[in-house]
Amino acid sequence: MKSTTTRLFATALAIFLGIGTTSHVFAQQNTLKSYDWVSGLAASYNEDDQYRVVLIGTGAGDIHEIFYKGTLAFPTNLGDSLIGHVDGLVGLTGFYNADDQYRVALAASADGTVTEIYYHPQKGSGKSVLGRFEGVVGIAGFFARDDRYRIALVATKDGDVHELYYHPAKGRGTWAIPNGPFVRRAKFSATSWIVTAIPKVAMAR
């Protein structure tokens, strides 16, 4: 019994010290910024400038970007930008487009509207309505490296999960995984974008 206890203690100590592992575990908590009434939170990473990005949606509908570079102790080059506004914000996600280097925020509204805000510190920014889904309860998204489509995943109250895929040159479409047997429903639209230009975002990089 004593031998077993000794081995367990030695194993735990080795894990704690990083002995026999490829890296040490380091944890540090930092407060980047404080906001009143946060209603959405997302994160991504910019491959071109190596900034970590946090997207914050507020109850007033404002969408902020916090960008920073990380060290083992404290974040550096910390900045904050207001990148857009969406009324009735209920969901938020974001990602980085590897093909055109735009940063993307996808926002879901209480009325079911899914809005894309795309921005770049040098190229400027824009805003487009991607689609509408009844009873939105959650949203996620990513950039697909295989076909370069931007993907929005939207969950609705009826249990369905919808994929909305789009590309500025290839068009877009949607299909749903319903709450039940798998059925594919597709709708296609080549260029029917609803686009509104918004001022260039001032970001000190």
N, C-alpha and C. Protein backbone atom coordinates (compact mmCIF):
# COMPACT_ATOMS: atom_id res chain seq x y z
N MET A 1 0.83 -1.20 0.00
CA MET A 1 0.00 0.00 0.00
C MET A 1 0.87 1.25 0.00
N LYS A 2 1.94 1.21 0.85
CA LYS A 2 2.83 2.34 0.93
C LYS A 2 3.53 2.57 -0.40
N SER A 3 3.93 1.48 -1.06
CA SER A 3 4.62 1.58 -2.35
C SER A 3 3.71 2.21 -3.40
N THR A 4 2.44 1.79 -3.40
CA THR A 4 1.48 2.34 -4.35
C THR A 4 1.27 3.82 -4.11
N THR A 5 1.12 4.22 -2.84
CA THR A 5 0.94 5.63 -2.49
C THR A 5 2.15 6.45 -2.91
N THR A 6 3.34 5.89 -2.71
CA THR A 6 4.57 6.59 -3.10
C THR A 6 4.63 6.80 -4.60
N ARG A 7 4.25 5.76 -5.36
CA ARG A 7 4.27 5.88 -6.82
C ARG A 7 3.28 6.92 -7.30
N LEU A 8 2.08 6.95 -6.70
CA LEU A 8 1.08 7.93 -7.09
C LEU A 8 1.55 9.34 -6.79
N PHE A 9 2.17 9.50 -5.62
CA PHE A 9 2.69 10.82 -5.25
C PHE A 9 3.79 11.25 -6.21
N ALA A 10 4.68 10.30 -6.56
CA ALA A 10 5.78 10.62 -7.48
C ALA A 10 5.25 10.98 -8.86
N THR A 11 4.22 10.28 -9.30
CA THR A 11 3.62 10.58 -10.61
C THR A 11 2.99 11.96 -10.62
N ALA A 12 2.22 12.26 -9.56
CA ALA A 12 1.58 13.57 -9.46
C ALA A 12 2.62 14.68 -9.41
N LEU A 13 3.70 14.47 -8.67
CA LEU A 13 4.76 15.46 -8.57
C LEU A 13 5.44 15.67 -9.92
N ALA A 14 5.65 14.57 -10.66
CA ALA A 14 6.29 14.67 -11.97
C ALA A 14 5.42 15.46 -12.94
N ILE A 15 4.10 15.21 -12.89
CA ILE A 15 3.19 15.95 -13.76
C ILE A 15 3.20 17.43 -13.41
N PHE A 16 3.17 17.72 -12.10
CA PHE A 16 3.17 19.11 -11.64
C PHE A 16 4.43 19.83 -12.08
N LEU A 17 5.58 19.18 -11.99
CA LEU A 17 6.85 19.80 -12.34
C LEU A 17 7.15 19.75 -13.84
N GLY A 18 6.36 18.97 -14.57
CA GLY A 18 6.59 18.86 -16.00
C GLY A 18 7.63 17.83 -16.36
N ILE A 19 8.02 16.99 -15.41
CA ILE A 19 9.03 15.98 -15.69
C ILE A 19 8.42 14.89 -16.57
N GLY A 20 9.12 14.59 -17.66
CA GLY A 20 8.62 13.55 -18.57
C GLY A 20 7.56 14.06 -19.51
N THR A 21 7.29 15.35 -19.51
CA THR A 21 6.33 15.93 -20.45
C THR A 21 7.06 16.90 -21.36
N THR A 22 6.41 17.30 -22.42
CA THR A 22 7.05 18.18 -23.41
C THR A 22 6.96 19.64 -23.03
N SER A 23 6.11 20.00 -22.07
CA SER A 23 5.96 21.41 -21.72
C SER A 23 5.48 21.54 -20.29
N HIS A 24 5.68 22.73 -19.74
CA HIS A 24 5.20 23.03 -18.40
C HIS A 24 3.82 23.68 -18.48
N VAL A 25 3.05 23.50 -17.45
CA VAL A 25 1.74 24.11 -17.38
C VAL A 25 1.87 25.47 -16.71
N PHE A 26 1.36 26.51 -17.36
CA PHE A 26 1.44 27.85 -16.80
C PHE A 26 0.07 28.49 -16.91
N ALA A 27 -0.44 29.01 -15.83
CA ALA A 27 -1.75 29.66 -15.82
C ALA A 27 -1.62 31.08 -15.30
N GLN A 28 -2.23 32.01 -16.00
CA GLN A 28 -2.19 33.40 -15.60
C GLN A 28 -3.52 34.04 -15.96
N GLN A 29 -4.13 34.72 -15.04
CA GLN A 29 -5.40 35.39 -15.30
C GLN A 29 -5.18 36.88 -15.46
N ASN A 30 -5.66 37.42 -16.57
CA ASN A 30 -5.52 38.85 -16.83
C ASN A 30 -6.88 39.43 -17.19
N THR A 31 -7.18 40.61 -16.69
CA THR A 31 -8.39 41.31 -17.07
C THR A 31 -8.07 42.23 -18.23
N LEU A 32 -8.68 41.98 -19.39
CA LEU A 32 -8.40 42.78 -20.57
C LEU A 32 -9.15 44.10 -20.55
N LYS A 33 -10.43 44.04 -20.20
CA LYS A 33 -11.26 45.23 -20.11
C LYS A 33 -12.59 44.85 -19.48
N SER A 34 -13.30 45.83 -18.95
CA SER A 34 -14.61 45.58 -18.34
C SER A 34 -15.69 46.28 -19.16
N TYR A 35 -16.83 45.58 -19.30
CA TYR A 35 -17.97 46.13 -20.02
C TYR A 35 -19.23 45.92 -19.18
N ASP A 36 -20.18 46.80 -19.33
CA ASP A 36 -21.47 46.64 -18.70
C ASP A 36 -22.39 45.82 -19.60
N TRP A 37 -23.07 44.84 -19.02
CA TRP A 37 -24.11 44.09 -19.71
C TRP A 37 -23.57 43.40 -20.98
N VAL A 38 -22.71 42.43 -20.80
CA VAL A 38 -22.18 41.66 -21.92
C VAL A 38 -23.22 40.63 -22.36
N SER A 39 -23.56 40.63 -23.64
CA SER A 39 -24.57 39.71 -24.16
C SER A 39 -24.00 38.72 -25.17
N GLY A 40 -22.72 38.85 -25.49
CA GLY A 40 -22.10 37.92 -26.43
C GLY A 40 -20.59 37.96 -26.31
N LEU A 41 -19.96 36.82 -26.53
CA LEU A 41 -18.50 36.72 -26.40
C LEU A 41 -17.97 35.71 -27.39
N ALA A 42 -16.89 36.05 -28.09
CA ALA A 42 -16.26 35.14 -29.04
C ALA A 42 -14.77 35.46 -29.09
N ALA A 43 -14.00 34.57 -29.71
CA ALA A 43 -12.55 34.77 -29.79
C ALA A 43 -12.01 34.16 -31.07
N SER A 44 -10.92 34.73 -31.57
CA SER A 44 -10.25 34.20 -32.75
C SER A 44 -8.79 34.65 -32.74
N TYR A 45 -8.07 34.27 -33.79
CA TYR A 45 -6.65 34.59 -33.88
C TYR A 45 -6.33 35.04 -35.29
N ASN A 46 -5.64 36.18 -35.41
CA ASN A 46 -5.25 36.71 -36.72
C ASN A 46 -3.91 36.13 -37.13
N GLU A 47 -3.90 35.38 -38.20
CA GLU A 47 -2.66 34.75 -38.64
C GLU A 47 -1.67 35.75 -39.24
N ASP A 48 -2.17 36.86 -39.81
CA ASP A 48 -1.27 37.79 -40.49
C ASP A 48 -0.46 38.65 -39.52
N ASP A 49 -1.09 39.15 -38.46
CA ASP A 49 -0.37 40.02 -37.53
C ASP A 49 -0.19 39.40 -36.13
N GLN A 50 -0.63 38.15 -35.96
CA GLN A 50 -0.46 37.40 -34.72
C GLN A 50 -1.15 38.05 -33.52
N TYR A 51 -2.24 38.75 -33.76
CA TYR A 51 -3.02 39.29 -32.66
C TYR A 51 -4.07 38.28 -32.21
N ARG A 52 -4.24 38.20 -30.87
CA ARG A 52 -5.38 37.46 -30.32
C ARG A 52 -6.57 38.42 -30.30
N VAL A 53 -7.74 37.93 -30.59
CA VAL A 53 -8.91 38.79 -30.72
C VAL A 53 -10.04 38.27 -29.83
N VAL A 54 -10.65 39.19 -29.10
CA VAL A 54 -11.85 38.90 -28.33
C VAL A 54 -12.95 39.82 -28.84
N LEU A 55 -14.09 39.25 -29.19
CA LEU A 55 -15.25 40.02 -29.60
C LEU A 55 -16.26 40.06 -28.46
N ILE A 56 -16.73 41.25 -28.15
CA ILE A 56 -17.69 41.44 -27.05
C ILE A 56 -18.92 42.13 -27.59
N GLY A 57 -20.08 41.54 -27.37
CA GLY A 57 -21.35 42.17 -27.70
C GLY A 57 -22.01 42.67 -26.43
N THR A 58 -22.52 43.87 -26.46
CA THR A 58 -23.16 44.45 -25.28
C THR A 58 -24.68 44.42 -25.42
N GLY A 59 -25.35 44.64 -24.31
CA GLY A 59 -26.81 44.66 -24.33
C GLY A 59 -27.37 45.78 -25.17
N ALA A 60 -26.57 46.83 -25.39
CA ALA A 60 -27.00 47.94 -26.23
C ALA A 60 -26.84 47.64 -27.72
N GLY A 61 -26.19 46.51 -28.03
CA GLY A 61 -26.02 46.12 -29.43
C GLY A 61 -24.67 46.47 -30.02
N ASP A 62 -23.80 47.11 -29.25
CA ASP A 62 -22.46 47.43 -29.75
C ASP A 62 -21.58 46.19 -29.76
N ILE A 63 -20.74 46.08 -30.78
CA ILE A 63 -19.80 44.97 -30.88
C ILE A 63 -18.39 45.54 -30.85
N HIS A 64 -17.63 45.14 -29.84
CA HIS A 64 -16.26 45.62 -29.66
C HIS A 64 -15.27 44.52 -29.98
N GLU A 65 -14.11 44.93 -30.46
CA GLU A 65 -12.98 44.03 -30.63
C GLU A 65 -11.88 44.44 -29.66
N ILE A 66 -11.42 43.48 -28.86
CA ILE A 66 -10.19 43.67 -28.09
C ILE A 66 -9.10 42.88 -28.81
N PHE A 67 -8.00 43.54 -29.12
CA PHE A 67 -6.89 42.84 -29.78
C PHE A 67 -5.63 43.02 -28.94
N TYR A 68 -4.83 41.97 -28.87
CA TYR A 68 -3.62 42.02 -28.05
C TYR A 68 -2.67 40.92 -28.46
N LYS A 69 -1.43 41.06 -28.05
CA LYS A 69 -0.44 40.00 -28.22
C LYS A 69 -0.10 39.45 -26.85
N GLY A 70 0.15 38.16 -26.78
CA GLY A 70 0.30 37.50 -25.49
C GLY A 70 1.74 37.21 -25.14
N THR A 71 2.01 37.27 -23.85
CA THR A 71 3.27 36.82 -23.29
C THR A 71 2.94 35.88 -22.14
N LEU A 72 3.95 35.34 -21.50
CA LEU A 72 3.71 34.45 -20.36
C LEU A 72 3.18 35.22 -19.15
N ALA A 73 3.38 36.52 -19.13
CA ALA A 73 2.96 37.29 -17.95
C ALA A 73 1.75 38.17 -18.23
N PHE A 74 1.88 39.10 -19.18
CA PHE A 74 0.82 40.06 -19.42
C PHE A 74 0.60 40.25 -20.92
N PRO A 75 -0.62 40.58 -21.33
CA PRO A 75 -0.86 40.90 -22.73
C PRO A 75 -0.17 42.21 -23.11
N THR A 76 0.29 42.30 -24.35
CA THR A 76 0.95 43.50 -24.84
C THR A 76 0.21 44.04 -26.05
N ASN A 77 0.51 45.27 -26.43
CA ASN A 77 -0.13 45.91 -27.59
C ASN A 77 -1.65 45.82 -27.50
N LEU A 78 -2.16 46.06 -26.34
CA LEU A 78 -3.60 45.92 -26.09
C LEU A 78 -4.37 47.09 -26.68
N GLY A 79 -5.44 46.80 -27.41
CA GLY A 79 -6.28 47.83 -27.98
C GLY A 79 -7.73 47.42 -28.01
N ASP A 80 -8.60 48.39 -28.26
CA ASP A 80 -10.05 48.15 -28.26
C ASP A 80 -10.67 48.99 -29.36
N SER A 81 -11.54 48.39 -30.17
CA SER A 81 -12.23 49.11 -31.24
C SER A 81 -13.71 48.75 -31.24
N LEU A 82 -14.54 49.72 -31.54
CA LEU A 82 -15.96 49.47 -31.79
C LEU A 82 -16.09 49.15 -33.27
N ILE A 83 -16.46 47.92 -33.60
CA ILE A 83 -16.47 47.50 -35.00
C ILE A 83 -17.87 47.51 -35.62
N GLY A 84 -18.92 47.62 -34.81
CA GLY A 84 -20.24 47.64 -35.39
C GLY A 84 -21.34 47.66 -34.35
N HIS A 85 -22.57 47.67 -34.83
CA HIS A 85 -23.75 47.70 -33.96
C HIS A 85 -24.84 46.85 -34.60
N VAL A 86 -25.49 46.02 -33.78
CA VAL A 86 -26.61 45.19 -34.21
C VAL A 86 -27.68 45.26 -33.14
N ASP A 87 -28.88 45.67 -33.51
CA ASP A 87 -29.98 45.75 -32.54
C ASP A 87 -30.44 44.35 -32.13
N GLY A 88 -30.79 44.20 -30.86
CA GLY A 88 -31.34 42.94 -30.36
C GLY A 88 -30.37 41.78 -30.40
N LEU A 89 -29.11 42.02 -30.10
CA LEU A 89 -28.08 40.99 -30.19
C LEU A 89 -28.36 39.83 -29.23
N VAL A 90 -28.38 38.60 -29.77
CA VAL A 90 -28.59 37.41 -28.94
C VAL A 90 -27.48 36.38 -29.10
N GLY A 91 -26.61 36.56 -30.08
CA GLY A 91 -25.52 35.60 -30.29
C GLY A 91 -24.39 36.24 -31.08
N LEU A 92 -23.16 35.78 -30.82
CA LEU A 92 -21.99 36.37 -31.45
C LEU A 92 -20.92 35.31 -31.65
N THR A 93 -20.26 35.34 -32.81
CA THR A 93 -19.12 34.49 -33.06
C THR A 93 -18.18 35.22 -34.00
N GLY A 94 -16.98 34.71 -34.18
CA GLY A 94 -16.03 35.38 -35.04
C GLY A 94 -14.93 34.46 -35.51
N PHE A 95 -14.26 34.86 -36.60
CA PHE A 95 -13.15 34.07 -37.14
C PHE A 95 -12.31 34.94 -38.07
N TYR A 96 -11.22 34.36 -38.53
CA TYR A 96 -10.28 35.03 -39.43
C TYR A 96 -10.31 34.33 -40.78
N ASN A 97 -10.45 35.12 -41.86
CA ASN A 97 -10.43 34.57 -43.21
C ASN A 97 -8.98 34.45 -43.69
N ALA A 98 -8.53 33.25 -43.92
CA ALA A 98 -7.14 33.06 -44.33
C ALA A 98 -6.88 33.51 -45.76
N ASP A 99 -7.93 33.60 -46.61
CA ASP A 99 -7.70 33.96 -48.00
C ASP A 99 -7.58 35.46 -48.23
N ASP A 100 -8.43 36.27 -47.57
CA ASP A 100 -8.37 37.71 -47.79
C ASP A 100 -7.96 38.51 -46.55
N GLN A 101 -7.69 37.79 -45.48
CA GLN A 101 -7.20 38.39 -44.22
C GLN A 101 -8.22 39.29 -43.53
N TYR A 102 -9.47 39.22 -43.91
CA TYR A 102 -10.48 39.98 -43.19
C TYR A 102 -10.81 39.29 -41.87
N ARG A 103 -11.08 40.10 -40.86
CA ARG A 103 -11.60 39.60 -39.59
C ARG A 103 -13.13 39.63 -39.68
N VAL A 104 -13.79 38.63 -39.16
CA VAL A 104 -15.23 38.51 -39.32
C VAL A 104 -15.92 38.36 -37.97
N ALA A 105 -16.98 39.13 -37.78
CA ALA A 105 -17.88 38.94 -36.65
C ALA A 105 -19.26 38.61 -37.21
N LEU A 106 -19.86 37.54 -36.71
CA LEU A 106 -21.21 37.16 -37.09
C LEU A 106 -22.12 37.38 -35.89
N ALA A 107 -23.17 38.16 -36.10
CA ALA A 107 -24.07 38.51 -35.00
C ALA A 107 -25.48 38.04 -35.32
N ALA A 108 -26.12 37.40 -34.35
CA ALA A 108 -27.52 36.99 -34.49
C ALA A 108 -28.39 37.92 -33.66
N SER A 109 -29.52 38.34 -34.25
CA SER A 109 -30.44 39.26 -33.59
C SER A 109 -31.70 38.53 -33.14
N ALA A 110 -32.44 39.17 -32.25
CA ALA A 110 -33.66 38.57 -31.71
C ALA A 110 -34.70 38.32 -32.80
N ASP A 111 -34.67 39.11 -33.88
CA ASP A 111 -35.64 38.91 -34.95
C ASP A 111 -35.20 37.84 -35.94
N GLY A 112 -34.07 37.16 -35.67
CA GLY A 112 -33.60 36.07 -36.51
C GLY A 112 -32.58 36.46 -37.56
N THR A 113 -32.24 37.73 -37.64
CA THR A 113 -31.29 38.19 -38.65
C THR A 113 -29.86 37.79 -38.27
N VAL A 114 -29.12 37.28 -39.24
CA VAL A 114 -27.70 36.98 -39.06
C VAL A 114 -26.92 37.98 -39.89
N THR A 115 -26.08 38.75 -39.22
CA THR A 115 -25.34 39.84 -39.85
C THR A 115 -23.85 39.55 -39.80
N GLU A 116 -23.17 39.79 -40.91
CA GLU A 116 -21.72 39.69 -40.97
C GLU A 116 -21.12 41.08 -40.92
N ILE A 117 -20.14 41.27 -40.05
CA ILE A 117 -19.31 42.47 -40.03
C ILE A 117 -17.90 42.01 -40.37
N TYR A 118 -17.35 42.51 -41.46
CA TYR A 118 -16.00 42.14 -41.85
C TYR A 118 -15.13 43.39 -41.82
N TYR A 119 -13.91 43.24 -41.37
CA TYR A 119 -13.07 44.43 -41.18
C TYR A 119 -11.60 44.06 -41.25
N HIS A 120 -10.80 45.08 -41.54
CA HIS A 120 -9.35 44.92 -41.64
C HIS A 120 -8.73 46.28 -41.32
N PRO A 121 -7.63 46.31 -40.57
CA PRO A 121 -7.06 47.60 -40.15
C PRO A 121 -6.61 48.49 -41.31
N GLN A 122 -6.28 47.92 -42.47
CA GLN A 122 -5.89 48.72 -43.62
C GLN A 122 -6.94 48.75 -44.73
N LYS A 123 -7.69 47.66 -44.88
CA LYS A 123 -8.64 47.56 -46.00
C LYS A 123 -9.99 48.18 -45.70
N GLY A 124 -10.27 48.47 -44.44
CA GLY A 124 -11.57 49.02 -44.08
C GLY A 124 -12.55 47.95 -43.64
N SER A 125 -13.85 48.25 -43.73
CA SER A 125 -14.85 47.34 -43.17
C SER A 125 -16.16 47.43 -43.93
N GLY A 126 -17.01 46.46 -43.69
CA GLY A 126 -18.32 46.44 -44.30
C GLY A 126 -19.28 45.59 -43.49
N LYS A 127 -20.54 45.61 -43.89
CA LYS A 127 -21.58 44.91 -43.13
C LYS A 127 -22.60 44.35 -44.10
N SER A 128 -23.03 43.10 -43.89
CA SER A 128 -24.02 42.50 -44.78
C SER A 128 -24.95 41.59 -44.00
N VAL A 129 -26.20 41.55 -44.42
CA VAL A 129 -27.18 40.61 -43.86
C VAL A 129 -27.08 39.31 -44.63
N LEU A 130 -26.77 38.23 -43.93
CA LEU A 130 -26.57 36.93 -44.58
C LEU A 130 -27.86 36.13 -44.70
N GLY A 131 -28.74 36.26 -43.73
CA GLY A 131 -29.98 35.49 -43.77
C GLY A 131 -30.81 35.73 -42.53
N ARG A 132 -31.96 35.07 -42.48
CA ARG A 132 -32.85 35.18 -41.33
C ARG A 132 -33.37 33.80 -40.96
N PHE A 133 -33.41 33.53 -39.66
CA PHE A 133 -33.83 32.24 -39.14
C PHE A 133 -34.77 32.48 -37.95
N GLU A 134 -35.90 31.85 -37.98
CA GLU A 134 -36.90 32.04 -36.93
C GLU A 134 -36.44 31.39 -35.63
N GLY A 135 -36.45 32.14 -34.53
CA GLY A 135 -36.16 31.58 -33.22
C GLY A 135 -34.71 31.22 -32.98
N VAL A 136 -33.79 32.12 -33.30
CA VAL A 136 -32.36 31.84 -33.11
C VAL A 136 -32.03 31.76 -31.63
N VAL A 137 -31.29 30.70 -31.24
CA VAL A 137 -30.86 30.56 -29.85
C VAL A 137 -29.34 30.48 -29.72
N GLY A 138 -28.63 30.29 -30.83
CA GLY A 138 -27.18 30.21 -30.76
C GLY A 138 -26.56 30.30 -32.14
N ILE A 139 -25.29 30.75 -32.17
CA ILE A 139 -24.59 30.88 -33.44
C ILE A 139 -23.12 30.56 -33.25
N ALA A 140 -22.52 29.94 -34.25
CA ALA A 140 -21.08 29.67 -34.28
C ALA A 140 -20.62 29.82 -35.71
N GLY A 141 -19.31 29.87 -35.93
CA GLY A 141 -18.83 30.04 -37.30
C GLY A 141 -17.35 29.76 -37.44
N PHE A 142 -16.91 29.55 -38.69
CA PHE A 142 -15.50 29.31 -38.96
C PHE A 142 -15.21 29.51 -40.43
N PHE A 143 -13.93 29.61 -40.76
CA PHE A 143 -13.47 29.68 -42.14
C PHE A 143 -13.04 28.29 -42.57
N ALA A 144 -13.62 27.78 -43.67
CA ALA A 144 -13.31 26.44 -44.15
C ALA A 144 -12.11 26.51 -45.11
N ARG A 145 -11.00 25.93 -44.71
CA ARG A 145 -9.78 26.03 -45.51
C ARG A 145 -9.82 25.20 -46.79
N ASP A 146 -10.66 24.16 -46.82
CA ASP A 146 -10.66 23.31 -48.01
C ASP A 146 -11.29 23.99 -49.22
N ASP A 147 -12.44 24.65 -49.02
CA ASP A 147 -13.10 25.30 -50.15
C ASP A 147 -13.20 26.82 -50.00
N ARG A 148 -12.66 27.35 -48.88
CA ARG A 148 -12.59 28.79 -48.61
C ARG A 148 -13.96 29.43 -48.39
N TYR A 149 -14.96 28.63 -48.11
CA TYR A 149 -16.25 29.20 -47.75
C TYR A 149 -16.22 29.67 -46.29
N ARG A 150 -17.00 30.69 -46.01
CA ARG A 150 -17.23 31.14 -44.65
C ARG A 150 -18.47 30.40 -44.15
N ILE A 151 -18.44 29.88 -42.95
CA ILE A 151 -19.52 29.04 -42.45
C ILE A 151 -20.15 29.66 -41.21
N ALA A 152 -21.47 29.81 -41.23
CA ALA A 152 -22.24 30.20 -40.06
C ALA A 152 -23.15 29.03 -39.68
N LEU A 153 -23.11 28.64 -38.43
CA LEU A 153 -23.98 27.59 -37.91
C LEU A 153 -24.97 28.23 -36.95
N VAL A 154 -26.25 28.05 -37.24
CA VAL A 154 -27.31 28.73 -36.49
C VAL A 154 -28.25 27.69 -35.89
N ALA A 155 -28.42 27.74 -34.58
CA ALA A 155 -29.36 26.86 -33.89
C ALA A 155 -30.65 27.61 -33.62
N THR A 156 -31.77 26.92 -33.81
CA THR A 156 -33.07 27.55 -33.59
C THR A 156 -33.88 26.79 -32.53
N LYS A 157 -34.93 27.42 -32.06
CA LYS A 157 -35.71 26.88 -30.95
C LYS A 157 -36.34 25.52 -31.25
N ASP A 158 -36.59 25.24 -32.52
CA ASP A 158 -37.21 23.96 -32.88
C ASP A 158 -36.22 22.81 -32.88
N GLY A 159 -34.95 23.08 -32.54
CA GLY A 159 -33.95 22.03 -32.46
C GLY A 159 -33.12 21.86 -33.71
N ASP A 160 -33.46 22.59 -34.78
CA ASP A 160 -32.69 22.48 -36.01
C ASP A 160 -31.37 23.24 -35.90
N VAL A 161 -30.37 22.73 -36.60
CA VAL A 161 -29.11 23.43 -36.76
C VAL A 161 -28.93 23.71 -38.24
N HIS A 162 -28.78 24.98 -38.59
CA HIS A 162 -28.68 25.40 -39.98
C HIS A 162 -27.24 25.77 -40.29
N GLU A 163 -26.77 25.34 -41.45
CA GLU A 163 -25.49 25.81 -41.96
C GLU A 163 -25.73 26.82 -43.07
N LEU A 164 -25.15 27.98 -42.91
CA LEU A 164 -25.18 29.00 -43.94
C LEU A 164 -23.75 29.17 -44.43
N TYR A 165 -23.50 28.80 -45.68
CA TYR A 165 -22.15 28.90 -46.22
C TYR A 165 -22.14 29.98 -47.30
N TYR A 166 -21.07 30.76 -47.33
CA TYR A 166 -21.03 31.88 -48.26
C TYR A 166 -19.60 32.24 -48.62
N HIS A 167 -19.47 32.88 -49.78
CA HIS A 167 -18.18 33.33 -50.28
C HIS A 167 -18.43 34.58 -51.13
N PRO A 168 -17.60 35.61 -51.03
CA PRO A 168 -17.88 36.85 -51.77
C PRO A 168 -17.92 36.68 -53.28
N ALA A 169 -17.26 35.65 -53.83
CA ALA A 169 -17.25 35.44 -55.27
C ALA A 169 -18.08 34.23 -55.70
N LYS A 170 -18.24 33.24 -54.83
CA LYS A 170 -18.90 31.99 -55.20
C LYS A 170 -20.39 31.96 -54.86
N GLY A 171 -20.88 32.92 -54.08
CA GLY A 171 -22.27 32.91 -53.68
C GLY A 171 -22.47 32.26 -52.32
N ARG A 172 -23.70 31.83 -52.06
CA ARG A 172 -24.01 31.27 -50.74
C ARG A 172 -25.18 30.30 -50.82
N GLY A 173 -25.40 29.57 -49.74
CA GLY A 173 -26.51 28.65 -49.65
C GLY A 173 -26.73 28.24 -48.21
N THR A 174 -27.82 27.55 -47.94
CA THR A 174 -28.13 27.07 -46.60
C THR A 174 -28.65 25.65 -46.67
N TRP A 175 -28.45 24.92 -45.60
CA TRP A 175 -29.09 23.62 -45.44
C TRP A 175 -29.25 23.36 -43.94
N ALA A 176 -30.19 22.50 -43.61
CA ALA A 176 -30.55 22.30 -42.21
C ALA A 176 -30.42 20.84 -41.81
N ILE A 177 -29.91 20.63 -40.59
CA ILE A 177 -29.97 19.32 -39.95
C ILE A 177 -31.12 19.39 -38.97
N PRO A 178 -32.30 18.86 -39.30
CA PRO A 178 -33.48 19.03 -38.45
C PRO A 178 -33.41 18.17 -37.19
N ASN A 179 -34.30 18.45 -36.29
CA ASN A 179 -34.42 17.71 -35.05
C ASN A 179 -35.18 16.42 -35.32
N GLY A 180 -34.48 15.46 -35.91
CA GLY A 180 -35.12 14.21 -36.32
C GLY A 180 -34.29 13.56 -37.40
N PRO A 181 -34.90 12.75 -38.28
CA PRO A 181 -34.15 12.10 -39.36
C PRO A 181 -33.45 13.13 -40.25
N PHE A 182 -32.29 12.74 -40.73
CA PHE A 182 -31.49 13.65 -41.53
C PHE A 182 -32.17 13.98 -42.85
N VAL A 183 -32.37 15.25 -43.10
CA VAL A 183 -32.94 15.72 -44.36
C VAL A 183 -32.12 16.92 -44.80
N ARG A 184 -31.77 16.97 -46.05
CA ARG A 184 -31.01 18.11 -46.57
C ARG A 184 -31.95 19.03 -47.34
N ARG A 185 -31.95 20.29 -46.93
CA ARG A 185 -32.73 21.29 -47.63
C ARG A 185 -31.78 22.41 -48.04
N ALA A 186 -31.70 22.68 -49.31
CA ALA A 186 -30.73 23.67 -49.78
C ALA A 186 -31.44 24.82 -50.48
N LYS A 187 -30.92 26.01 -50.25
CA LYS A 187 -31.39 27.21 -50.95
C LYS A 187 -30.15 27.95 -51.43
N PHE A 188 -30.17 28.37 -52.67
CA PHE A 188 -28.98 28.99 -53.23
C PHE A 188 -29.29 30.41 -53.70
N SER A 189 -28.33 31.26 -53.55
CA SER A 189 -28.43 32.63 -54.03
C SER A 189 -27.04 33.06 -54.46
N ALA A 190 -26.88 33.42 -55.70
CA ALA A 190 -25.54 33.70 -56.22
C ALA A 190 -24.96 35.00 -55.67
N THR A 191 -25.69 36.09 -55.80
CA THR A 191 -25.12 37.38 -55.40
C THR A 191 -26.12 38.28 -54.68
N SER A 192 -27.16 37.71 -54.09
CA SER A 192 -28.19 38.54 -53.48
C SER A 192 -27.77 38.99 -52.09
N TRP A 193 -26.76 39.85 -52.05
CA TRP A 193 -26.25 40.36 -50.77
C TRP A 193 -26.98 41.65 -50.40
N ILE A 194 -27.20 41.85 -49.15
CA ILE A 194 -27.69 43.13 -48.64
C ILE A 194 -26.51 43.77 -47.93
N VAL A 195 -25.87 44.72 -48.57
CA VAL A 195 -24.62 45.26 -48.07
C VAL A 195 -24.77 46.72 -47.72
N THR A 196 -24.26 47.09 -46.57
CA THR A 196 -24.24 48.47 -46.13
C THR A 196 -22.82 48.84 -45.76
N ALA A 197 -22.30 49.87 -46.37
CA ALA A 197 -20.94 50.31 -46.04
C ALA A 197 -20.97 51.03 -44.70
N ILE A 198 -19.96 50.79 -43.89
CA ILE A 198 -19.82 51.50 -42.63
C ILE A 198 -18.44 52.11 -42.60
N PRO A 199 -18.21 53.15 -41.78
CA PRO A 199 -16.92 53.83 -41.80
C PRO A 199 -15.77 52.92 -41.49
N LYS A 200 -14.60 53.25 -42.02
CA LYS A 200 -13.40 52.50 -41.76
C LYS A 200 -13.10 52.51 -40.28
N VAL A 201 -12.78 51.35 -39.73
CA VAL A 201 -12.53 51.24 -38.31
C VAL A 201 -11.11 51.72 -38.01
N ALA A 202 -10.99 52.63 -37.07
CA ALA A 202 -9.67 53.11 -36.68
C ALA A 202 -9.07 52.19 -35.65
N MET A 203 -8.04 51.46 -36.05
CA MET A 203 -7.40 50.51 -35.17
C MET A 203 -5.90 50.72 -35.19
N ALA A 204 -5.34 50.97 -34.03
CA ALA A 204 -3.90 51.20 -33.93
C ALA A 204 -3.19 49.88 -33.83
N ARG A 205 -2.58 49.46 -34.92
CA ARG A 205 -1.85 48.20 -34.94
C ARG A 205 -0.35 48.50 -35.00
